[in-house]
Structures are given as C-alpha cells and as structure tokens.
C-alpha cells in the first residue's frame, strides 16, 4: 500500500515483474539524473550497465527496452496549468464583453489579473522539480540560457508588432516602434533568475531537512535571498527615483501632436508619474511601449476633451522594473515545489502550503486596505504579488487534495 501511494504521487516506479527482476540481477545498475526540464518529481531512470560475460549480446539487445520506465508527471501541477490556460482564454475572449473580469484599470485585482502570476507560480514549481538533481552544472546553465533566449525570441516575435492579426493579415514591424517587452519576456526573466539560482546552489542543497518548521526556508535561503534582492531593487527604485515631466507624440490623422505630462515627484503610485513607467521610457523609449494601456477605462479618462493628457500616453504593463518584482512570484512557486520534494506526507505538505498562503494573503490585505501598497498589476506591487501567490497556493493545494490524495 505504501509503495502504491508513492507511485501514485510520482515518487517511485511500478514494481518490476518477476521476469524483469530476474533480468536485473544480471546487470550492474546505475542511475542517470534528469535535469533537462519537465515537472516530474522522480527524475531517476535506470541506465543498465555492463552485462555479465556469460549473457549473450542478442539477449541484452532484445531485453534492454524492457527495463526503461518513464517518470510519472505531477498531476496536480498539470491540472493547475490547464486551469490557468482556460482562465487565460476566458478573460481574453470575454474580457471585452464583461469588464468586471478584465484587467483592473489601475488599483485592484480582477479575474484576469491572476493569469500572469499563476503562470509564474507554475514556472517556479516546475523549476524545483526539474532541477531536483543537477549532475552537470555547466550543461544545466547552457539549457537555461537557451530556453531564456527562446522565450525572448518568441515574445518579441508575437508581441513586438510583427504580426498584425486578427485585424490585418499583413506582417512586418517598424523598428522605431517595436515593442520590446511582453508576457513571454517577463516569464523569461523570472525563469532565468530563479533557475540560475537553483542550479548554482545545487552543491549546498540538502538532501534531508533538519527538524523545525523553518528548515525548508533555511535550506533554500539563497532562493529567498534572490527574491529579497529583487524586491529590494524594485522597492528602492520605486520610492526613491525622481520622475520629471515627460512628453510623448500622438499621431492624429494627418498631423502629430505632442503632449506633456507634469510630474516632478518621487514615490508616486498613480498612472501618470510612477517610477515603473519612467524606467521603461528611459530604457526602451516612449515609442516602444504598449499603446493601449488598461488605464483608458478609468473614469477620469472618459471625460473626452477634459481628460488628462496621460490618458492618451503609452505604458508598458510588462516593463523592466515590474518584471523584476515578478521574480517574487516564481520564487514563491519554487518554495511550493521544494515542499513537494522534501515532505512525503499529505498532511505535512498541506500544513506548509496552508501556512504560507495564509501569511501571504494576510500581508496583502493589510498592505492594500491600509493604502500602504495597493494591489496593482500594472506596477506589480508587493501586495499584488502576495495576494495572487496566496491565491495560487489555495488553487494548487485544492488540486493536490482532489488529484493526489484521498482526503476528499
């Protein structure tokens, strides 16, 4: 019964048949660790070694495939990934018809605002499982770099302005207005940082945790230090960088008009003068930002000619500074993956996950409703990170109970 439970959860293989067991005695067994991606808990496959001298080579070649067994995927993570994709399709298609499920125009959190952090959470969990064991650090880093470059390439190709579908079937992009940032680019940055830390710390990673409720945190302290550094960079920059007045050009039929936005302040969290937008304008240029920001649905932007000029301005929702903050979502996700690896019992895992999500949700609610740091997807604020990560923990734990346990 214990072995069957471990197989169901992905921690072991099915027991070999008698024929396989007899055949195994003729081999010197070895282990090959799998670290090239995926999200399987068990990354060990049998790599049969030297055959005994008295065993025919033909028999070895004939029976070799029988001992190869595939690792079992984590059904909980697959179910969560599937739900997130369904949610993405729903809000993309129905968001325009039902504004209440579309992205929040500024402060707040709607159904659509959960999609991005859910994907980053999934990335974090998958990294923990895929890099459970790293036999060759150099090869692992090469694979991480290649995957990051692939994500960046496809992100720029799909969201940079090359394809004009579905409004127009023409293809091509003006390099003066190409959009450098996007969803896949944000995922690429978070994946690169979190996976790189996980790989470089593999030699100091414990195989068995010490006793204590915080042992899982101290064992993977470098992952949390990386997340804290990302948070520190974001917070210090957001509240200390001076945002001066800025301007942008807007084409109106046959003429171009220049609009100026008055700022001259620090630490502002509104649409017009926040540091997140200022960093993107300085790094990428105002002509390379997203031209249809969700803040156009704010009431103040529906006043026609009386609306402030910044309502017409571009803004990058997946910008550089906010993407640095998004690294935290993947960091929390990798923590859930570490719990899945090190804690074997259902109750132990759920205890760790419930505690984590409770702390995150409470912190998010306090920060938001005290107006200290409002939830804001466009700025990727700390309260938004905590709230969406806590929600991801609830959904992940729920799927775990439904799919991997018999608690229900």
Protein backbone atom coordinates (compact mmCIF):
# COMPACT_ATOMS: atom_id res chain seq x y z
CA UNK A 1 0.00 0.00 0.00
CA UNK A 2 2.83 2.40 0.86
CA UNK A 3 4.60 1.63 -2.42
CA UNK A 4 1.38 2.15 -4.39
CA UNK A 5 0.86 5.52 -2.75
CA UNK A 6 4.40 6.62 -3.64
CA UNK A 7 3.90 5.54 -7.25
CA UNK A 8 0.63 7.48 -7.45
CA UNK A 9 2.34 10.65 -6.26
CA UNK A 10 5.26 10.25 -8.64
CA UNK A 11 7.95 9.30 -6.12
CA UNK A 12 8.55 5.80 -7.34
CA UNK A 13 8.15 3.37 -10.19
CA UNK A 14 5.80 0.47 -10.56
CA UNK A 15 7.18 -2.73 -9.03
CA UNK A 16 9.03 -4.81 -11.62
CA UNK A 17 7.62 -8.13 -12.78
CA UNK A 18 9.34 -11.38 -11.91
CA UNK A 19 10.91 -11.56 -15.35
CA UNK A 20 12.31 -8.09 -15.03
CA UNK A 21 13.54 -8.81 -11.53
CA UNK A 22 15.46 -11.87 -12.69
CA UNK A 23 16.86 -9.98 -15.62
CA UNK A 24 18.01 -7.10 -13.39
CA UNK A 25 20.24 -9.43 -11.41
CA UNK A 26 22.41 -9.83 -14.49
CA UNK A 27 23.28 -6.12 -14.63
CA UNK A 28 25.30 -3.62 -12.71
CA UNK A 29 22.69 -0.90 -12.15
CA UNK A 30 23.35 2.81 -12.43
CA UNK A 31 21.37 6.00 -12.10
CA UNK A 32 21.10 8.85 -14.54
CA UNK A 33 19.59 12.08 -13.22
CA UNK A 34 17.26 14.01 -15.46
CA UNK A 35 17.71 17.78 -15.32
CA UNK A 36 16.65 18.91 -18.77
CA UNK A 37 13.25 20.27 -17.84
CA UNK A 38 9.73 18.99 -17.30
CA UNK A 39 7.96 18.76 -13.99
CA UNK A 40 8.34 15.20 -12.80
CA UNK A 41 9.11 14.52 -9.17
CA UNK A 42 11.12 11.37 -9.86
CA UNK A 43 13.95 12.20 -12.25
CA UNK A 44 15.79 8.93 -11.98
CA UNK A 45 15.85 6.43 -14.82
CA UNK A 46 17.57 3.04 -14.94
CA UNK A 47 20.67 3.04 -17.12
CA UNK A 48 21.78 -0.55 -17.21
CA UNK A 49 25.49 -1.07 -17.23
CA UNK A 50 27.79 -3.90 -18.14
CA UNK A 51 26.31 -7.27 -18.92
CA UNK A 52 27.86 -10.40 -17.41
CA UNK A 53 30.26 -12.31 -19.63
CA UNK A 54 28.00 -15.35 -19.89
CA UNK A 55 24.98 -13.37 -21.15
CA UNK A 56 24.51 -13.32 -24.96
CA UNK A 57 24.67 -9.92 -26.59
CA UNK A 58 21.49 -10.64 -28.59
CA UNK A 59 19.54 -11.23 -25.40
CA UNK A 60 20.85 -7.94 -23.98
CA UNK A 61 19.74 -6.00 -27.07
CA UNK A 62 16.35 -7.70 -27.06
CA UNK A 63 15.53 -7.13 -23.40
CA UNK A 64 17.13 -3.69 -22.92
CA UNK A 65 13.90 -1.68 -23.64
CA UNK A 66 12.01 -3.67 -21.02
CA UNK A 67 13.85 -2.04 -18.12
CA UNK A 68 13.28 1.56 -19.21
CA UNK A 69 10.47 3.23 -17.34
CA UNK A 70 9.10 6.71 -17.68
CA UNK A 71 8.86 9.09 -14.75
CA UNK A 72 5.40 9.94 -13.54
CA UNK A 73 4.27 13.53 -14.04
CA UNK A 74 2.86 15.62 -11.22
CA UNK A 75 -0.87 15.60 -11.94
CA UNK A 76 -1.51 18.47 -9.55
CA UNK A 77 0.76 20.81 -11.49
CA UNK A 78 -0.68 19.69 -14.84
CA UNK A 79 -4.22 20.36 -13.61
CA UNK A 80 -3.24 23.80 -12.31
CA UNK A 81 -1.53 24.62 -15.61
CA UNK A 82 -4.63 23.55 -17.54
CA UNK A 83 -6.90 25.71 -15.39
CA UNK A 84 -4.63 28.72 -15.89
CA UNK A 85 -4.73 28.28 -19.67
CA UNK A 86 -8.51 28.03 -19.61
CA UNK A 87 -8.63 31.17 -17.47
CA UNK A 88 -6.36 32.99 -19.93
CA UNK A 89 -8.58 32.09 -22.89
CA UNK A 90 -11.70 33.09 -20.97
CA UNK A 91 -10.54 36.56 -19.98
CA UNK A 92 -9.00 37.23 -23.41
CA UNK A 93 -12.24 36.39 -25.23
CA UNK A 94 -14.82 37.58 -22.71
CA UNK A 95 -12.94 40.42 -21.02
CA UNK A 96 -14.13 43.00 -23.52
CA UNK A 97 -17.77 41.97 -23.05
CA UNK A 98 -17.58 41.65 -19.27
CA UNK A 99 -15.30 44.42 -17.93
CA UNK A 100 -15.50 43.06 -14.38
CA UNK A 101 -13.32 40.07 -15.30
CA UNK A 102 -10.93 42.10 -17.48
CA UNK A 103 -7.73 43.60 -16.09
CA UNK A 104 -8.24 46.20 -13.40
CA UNK A 105 -7.78 49.73 -14.86
CA UNK A 106 -5.37 50.52 -12.05
CA UNK A 107 -5.60 49.55 -8.36
CA UNK A 108 -7.41 46.35 -7.52
CA UNK A 109 -7.36 42.74 -8.69
CA UNK A 110 -9.80 41.06 -11.08
CA UNK A 111 -10.02 37.59 -12.59
CA UNK A 112 -7.72 38.47 -15.50
CA UNK A 113 -5.05 39.73 -13.10
CA UNK A 114 -4.48 36.22 -11.76
CA UNK A 115 -3.27 34.75 -15.07
CA UNK A 116 0.28 36.14 -15.17
CA UNK A 117 1.22 35.39 -11.53
CA UNK A 118 -0.33 31.92 -11.84
CA UNK A 119 1.95 31.15 -14.79
CA UNK A 120 4.98 32.45 -12.88
CA UNK A 121 3.99 30.33 -9.87
CA UNK A 122 3.80 27.29 -12.15
CA UNK A 123 7.23 28.12 -13.57
CA UNK A 124 8.66 28.18 -10.04
CA UNK A 125 7.15 24.81 -9.07
CA UNK A 126 8.37 23.23 -12.32
CA UNK A 127 11.91 24.54 -11.80
CA UNK A 128 12.11 22.91 -8.37
CA UNK A 129 11.02 19.55 -9.80
CA UNK A 130 13.10 19.71 -13.00
CA UNK A 131 16.27 20.76 -11.17
CA UNK A 132 15.82 18.41 -8.25
CA UNK A 133 19.20 16.96 -9.15
CA UNK A 134 21.77 18.64 -11.38
CA UNK A 135 24.53 16.22 -12.46
CA UNK A 136 26.32 18.79 -14.62
CA UNK A 137 26.02 22.46 -13.68
CA UNK A 138 27.58 23.74 -16.91
CA UNK A 139 25.13 21.82 -19.11
CA UNK A 140 22.21 22.92 -16.96
CA UNK A 141 23.20 26.59 -17.28
CA UNK A 142 23.51 26.23 -21.07
CA UNK A 143 19.98 24.82 -21.24
CA UNK A 144 18.65 27.62 -19.04
CA UNK A 145 20.26 30.26 -21.27
CA UNK A 146 18.93 28.63 -24.45
CA UNK A 147 15.39 28.40 -23.08
CA UNK A 148 15.54 32.00 -21.94
CA UNK A 149 16.64 33.15 -25.39
CA UNK A 150 13.85 31.12 -26.99
CA UNK A 151 11.26 32.77 -24.77
CA UNK A 152 12.66 36.21 -25.55
CA UNK A 153 12.65 35.50 -29.28
CA UNK A 154 9.07 34.26 -29.40
CA UNK A 155 7.91 37.05 -27.10
CA UNK A 156 9.31 39.76 -29.37
CA UNK A 157 8.02 37.99 -32.47
CA UNK A 158 4.48 37.53 -31.16
CA UNK A 159 4.02 40.75 -29.20
CA UNK A 160 6.59 43.08 -30.73
CA UNK A 161 4.31 44.13 -33.56
CA UNK A 162 5.45 41.77 -36.31
CA UNK A 163 2.04 40.14 -36.68
CA UNK A 164 -0.96 42.42 -37.19
CA UNK A 165 -3.57 39.66 -36.93
CA UNK A 166 -6.51 39.42 -36.48
CA UNK A 167 -7.22 42.97 -37.65
CA UNK A 168 -4.82 42.72 -40.58
CA UNK A 169 -3.12 39.72 -42.17
CA UNK A 170 -0.05 41.75 -43.08
CA UNK A 171 3.29 41.04 -41.41
CA UNK A 172 6.25 43.25 -40.64
CA UNK A 173 7.38 45.62 -37.94
CA UNK A 174 8.71 49.14 -37.76
CA UNK A 175 11.88 49.02 -35.67
CA UNK A 176 11.17 52.56 -34.50
CA UNK A 177 8.03 51.38 -32.72
CA UNK A 178 8.75 47.72 -31.97
CA UNK A 179 7.60 46.62 -28.52
CA UNK A 180 10.48 45.01 -26.64
CA UNK A 181 8.58 43.87 -23.55
CA UNK A 182 5.78 41.35 -23.23
CA UNK A 183 4.40 38.35 -21.38
CA UNK A 184 6.95 35.79 -22.55
CA UNK A 185 9.78 38.23 -21.90
CA UNK A 186 8.64 38.59 -18.29
CA UNK A 187 8.43 34.82 -17.89
CA UNK A 188 11.91 34.53 -19.43
CA UNK A 189 13.44 36.92 -16.89
CA UNK A 190 11.81 35.23 -13.90
CA UNK A 191 12.73 31.78 -15.18
CA UNK A 192 16.34 32.75 -15.86
CA UNK A 193 16.96 34.24 -12.42
CA UNK A 194 15.17 31.58 -10.37
CA UNK A 195 16.51 28.61 -12.37
CA UNK A 196 20.04 30.01 -12.30
CA UNK A 197 19.99 30.35 -8.52
CA UNK A 198 18.56 26.84 -8.18
CA UNK A 199 21.32 25.43 -10.38
CA UNK A 200 24.26 27.29 -8.84
CA UNK A 201 23.24 26.30 -5.31
CA UNK A 202 22.85 22.60 -6.09
CA UNK A 203 26.05 21.62 -4.21
CA UNK A 204 24.89 23.21 -0.96
CA UNK A 205 21.35 21.91 -1.30
CA UNK A 206 20.38 19.49 1.49
CA UNK A 207 19.07 16.02 0.73
CA UNK A 208 17.38 15.74 4.11
CA UNK A 209 15.90 18.66 6.03
CA UNK A 210 16.69 19.34 9.65
CA UNK A 211 13.88 19.34 12.15
CA UNK A 212 11.97 22.55 12.63
CA UNK A 213 9.16 24.46 10.92
CA UNK A 214 11.52 26.87 9.15
CA UNK A 215 14.05 24.27 7.98
CA UNK A 216 12.66 24.42 4.43
CA UNK A 217 13.37 28.16 4.35
CA UNK A 218 16.88 27.95 5.75
CA UNK A 219 17.75 25.05 3.45
CA UNK A 220 16.91 27.16 0.42
CA UNK A 221 17.95 30.50 1.82
CA UNK A 222 19.72 31.57 -1.39
CA UNK A 223 16.50 31.34 -3.34
CA UNK A 224 14.81 33.61 -0.82
CA UNK A 225 17.80 35.95 -0.78
CA UNK A 226 17.48 36.27 -4.55
CA UNK A 227 13.79 37.07 -4.23
CA UNK A 228 14.52 39.60 -1.50
CA UNK A 229 17.14 41.32 -3.65
CA UNK A 230 14.59 41.60 -6.47
CA UNK A 231 12.08 43.08 -4.04
CA UNK A 232 14.71 45.48 -2.67
CA UNK A 233 15.68 46.72 -6.15
CA UNK A 234 12.04 47.26 -7.04
CA UNK A 235 11.07 49.00 -3.79
CA UNK A 236 14.09 51.29 -3.52
CA UNK A 237 13.77 52.33 -7.16
CA UNK A 238 10.02 52.84 -6.97
CA UNK A 239 10.09 55.14 -3.95
CA UNK A 240 13.38 56.95 -4.37
CA UNK A 241 13.76 57.69 -8.09
CA UNK A 242 12.77 61.19 -9.16
CA UNK A 243 10.25 61.30 -12.03
CA UNK A 244 10.49 64.54 -14.06
CA UNK A 245 7.99 65.94 -16.56
CA UNK A 246 7.77 63.91 -19.76
CA UNK A 247 6.18 64.15 -23.17
CA UNK A 248 5.00 61.91 -25.99
CA UNK A 249 3.87 62.24 -29.60
CA UNK A 250 0.47 61.11 -30.81
CA UNK A 251 -0.50 60.83 -34.46
CA UNK A 252 -3.95 62.28 -35.15
CA UNK A 253 -4.98 61.75 -38.75
CA UNK A 254 -2.56 63.84 -40.86
CA UNK A 255 -0.73 65.56 -38.00
CA UNK A 256 1.29 64.68 -34.94
CA UNK A 257 0.63 66.34 -31.61
CA UNK A 258 2.99 66.49 -28.65
CA UNK A 259 1.55 66.13 -25.15
CA UNK A 260 3.37 66.92 -21.91
CA UNK A 261 2.71 65.24 -18.56
CA UNK A 262 3.60 67.25 -15.46
CA UNK A 263 5.28 65.21 -12.73
CA UNK A 264 8.34 66.31 -10.75
CA UNK A 265 7.90 63.95 -7.79
CA UNK A 266 9.08 60.75 -6.10
CA UNK A 267 7.24 57.68 -4.90
CA UNK A 268 4.03 58.39 -6.79
CA UNK A 269 1.91 55.28 -7.49
CA UNK A 270 -0.59 56.85 -9.87
CA UNK A 271 -0.79 56.21 -13.64
CA UNK A 272 0.98 59.36 -14.81
CA UNK A 273 4.09 59.73 -12.66
CA UNK A 274 5.06 56.31 -11.32
CA UNK A 275 8.66 55.10 -11.45
CA UNK A 276 7.76 51.90 -13.32
CA UNK A 277 6.69 53.88 -16.37
CA UNK A 278 9.61 56.28 -16.07
CA UNK A 279 12.18 53.45 -16.09
CA UNK A 280 10.63 51.96 -19.24
CA UNK A 281 10.59 55.32 -21.02
CA UNK A 282 14.27 55.80 -20.19
CA UNK A 283 15.40 52.27 -21.06
CA UNK A 284 13.23 51.37 -24.05
CA UNK A 285 11.96 54.75 -25.23
CA UNK A 286 8.38 56.02 -25.17
CA UNK A 287 7.77 54.84 -28.75
CA UNK A 288 8.46 51.20 -27.81
CA UNK A 289 5.81 50.86 -25.11
CA UNK A 290 2.32 49.35 -25.20
CA UNK A 291 -0.04 51.86 -26.81
CA UNK A 292 -3.34 50.61 -25.34
CA UNK A 293 -2.93 50.58 -21.56
CA UNK A 294 -5.86 49.46 -19.43
CA UNK A 295 -5.98 52.78 -17.59
CA UNK A 296 -8.02 54.19 -20.50
CA UNK A 297 -11.02 52.55 -18.80
CA UNK A 298 -10.63 54.78 -15.75
CA UNK A 299 -13.49 57.24 -15.22
CA UNK A 300 -11.15 60.20 -15.45
CA UNK A 301 -10.08 59.06 -18.92
CA UNK A 302 -13.66 59.02 -20.19
CA UNK A 303 -14.18 62.77 -19.87
CA UNK A 304 -13.43 63.45 -23.50
CA UNK A 305 -11.54 66.69 -24.04
CA UNK A 306 -11.39 67.27 -20.29
CA UNK A 307 -9.45 64.04 -19.70
CA UNK A 308 -5.81 64.47 -18.63
CA UNK A 309 -3.19 64.07 -21.34
CA UNK A 310 -1.61 60.97 -19.81
CA UNK A 311 -4.78 59.02 -20.66
CA UNK A 312 -3.54 59.00 -24.27
CA UNK A 313 0.04 58.04 -23.37
CA UNK A 314 1.63 54.60 -23.82
CA UNK A 315 2.51 52.43 -20.83
CA UNK A 316 4.26 49.07 -20.61
CA UNK A 317 2.37 46.61 -18.33
CA UNK A 318 5.23 44.09 -18.62
CA UNK A 319 8.03 46.59 -18.15
CA UNK A 320 11.51 46.12 -16.77
CA UNK A 321 11.04 47.23 -13.16
CA UNK A 322 7.71 45.47 -12.71
CA UNK A 323 9.23 42.29 -14.20
CA UNK A 324 11.94 42.40 -11.53
CA UNK A 325 9.17 42.38 -8.95
CA UNK A 326 7.56 39.44 -10.79
CA UNK A 327 10.58 37.30 -9.88
CA UNK A 328 8.98 37.03 -6.43
CA UNK A 329 6.01 35.11 -7.88
CA UNK A 330 8.35 32.45 -9.28
CA UNK A 331 10.33 32.39 -6.01
CA UNK A 332 7.18 31.58 -4.04
CA UNK A 333 6.31 28.94 -6.63
CA UNK A 334 9.67 27.22 -6.25
CA UNK A 335 9.09 27.08 -2.49
CA UNK A 336 5.93 25.05 -3.10
CA UNK A 337 7.97 22.73 -5.30
CA UNK A 338 10.58 22.27 -2.59
CA UNK A 339 7.86 21.33 -0.12
CA UNK A 340 6.55 18.76 -2.61
CA UNK A 341 10.01 17.22 -2.86
CA UNK A 342 11.07 17.12 0.79
CA UNK A 343 7.82 16.42 2.66
CA UNK A 344 6.41 12.98 1.92
CA UNK A 345 3.12 13.01 3.82
CA UNK A 346 -0.02 14.75 2.58
CA UNK A 347 -0.66 16.46 5.91
CA UNK A 348 2.92 17.75 6.12
CA UNK A 349 2.76 19.28 2.65
CA UNK A 350 -0.64 20.85 3.18
CA UNK A 351 0.47 22.28 6.52
CA UNK A 352 3.42 24.03 4.87
CA UNK A 353 1.32 25.31 1.97
CA UNK A 354 -1.58 26.50 4.13
CA UNK A 355 0.76 28.41 6.44
CA UNK A 356 2.49 30.09 3.50
CA UNK A 357 -0.68 31.16 1.72
CA UNK A 358 -2.25 32.41 4.96
CA UNK A 359 0.74 34.69 5.65
CA UNK A 360 0.74 35.96 2.06
CA UNK A 361 -2.99 36.73 1.99
CA UNK A 362 -2.97 38.48 5.36
CA UNK A 363 0.03 40.62 4.37
CA UNK A 364 -1.58 41.53 1.05
CA UNK A 365 -4.89 42.54 2.62
CA UNK A 366 -3.17 44.69 5.25
CA UNK A 367 -0.99 46.48 2.68
CA UNK A 368 -3.89 47.08 0.31
CA UNK A 369 -6.63 48.22 2.66
CA UNK A 370 -4.32 50.48 4.64
CA UNK A 371 -3.32 52.14 1.34
CA UNK A 372 0.31 51.46 2.17
CA UNK A 373 0.89 49.50 -1.05
CA UNK A 374 -2.30 48.98 -3.10
CA UNK A 375 -2.71 45.88 -5.24
CA UNK A 376 -1.73 46.86 -8.76
CA UNK A 377 -0.99 44.50 -11.62
CA UNK A 378 0.44 47.26 -13.85
CA UNK A 379 3.04 48.14 -11.22
CA UNK A 380 3.31 44.55 -9.94
CA UNK A 381 3.21 45.82 -6.38
CA UNK A 382 4.17 43.76 -3.33
CA UNK A 383 0.56 43.43 -2.16
CA UNK A 384 -0.39 42.17 -5.62
CA UNK A 385 2.44 39.61 -5.54
CA UNK A 386 1.38 38.33 -2.11
CA UNK A 387 -2.35 38.22 -2.89
CA UNK A 388 -2.01 36.38 -6.20
CA UNK A 389 0.63 34.00 -4.82
CA UNK A 390 -1.63 33.22 -1.88
CA UNK A 391 -4.49 32.55 -4.30
CA UNK A 392 -2.21 30.32 -6.38
CA UNK A 393 -1.35 28.40 -3.22
CA UNK A 394 -5.05 27.85 -2.50
CA UNK A 395 -5.75 26.55 -6.01
CA UNK A 396 -2.63 24.38 -6.04
CA UNK A 397 -3.48 22.87 -2.65
CA UNK A 398 -7.06 22.29 -3.79
CA UNK A 399 -5.93 20.39 -6.87
CA UNK A 400 -3.49 18.43 -4.73
CA UNK A 401 -6.32 17.28 -2.46
CA UNK A 402 -8.54 16.36 -5.40
CA UNK A 403 -5.92 14.67 -7.58
CA UNK A 404 -3.19 13.26 -5.37
CA UNK A 405 -4.83 12.35 -2.06
CA UNK A 406 -7.83 10.51 -0.76
CA UNK A 407 -8.70 13.22 1.77
CA UNK A 408 -11.90 14.16 -0.04
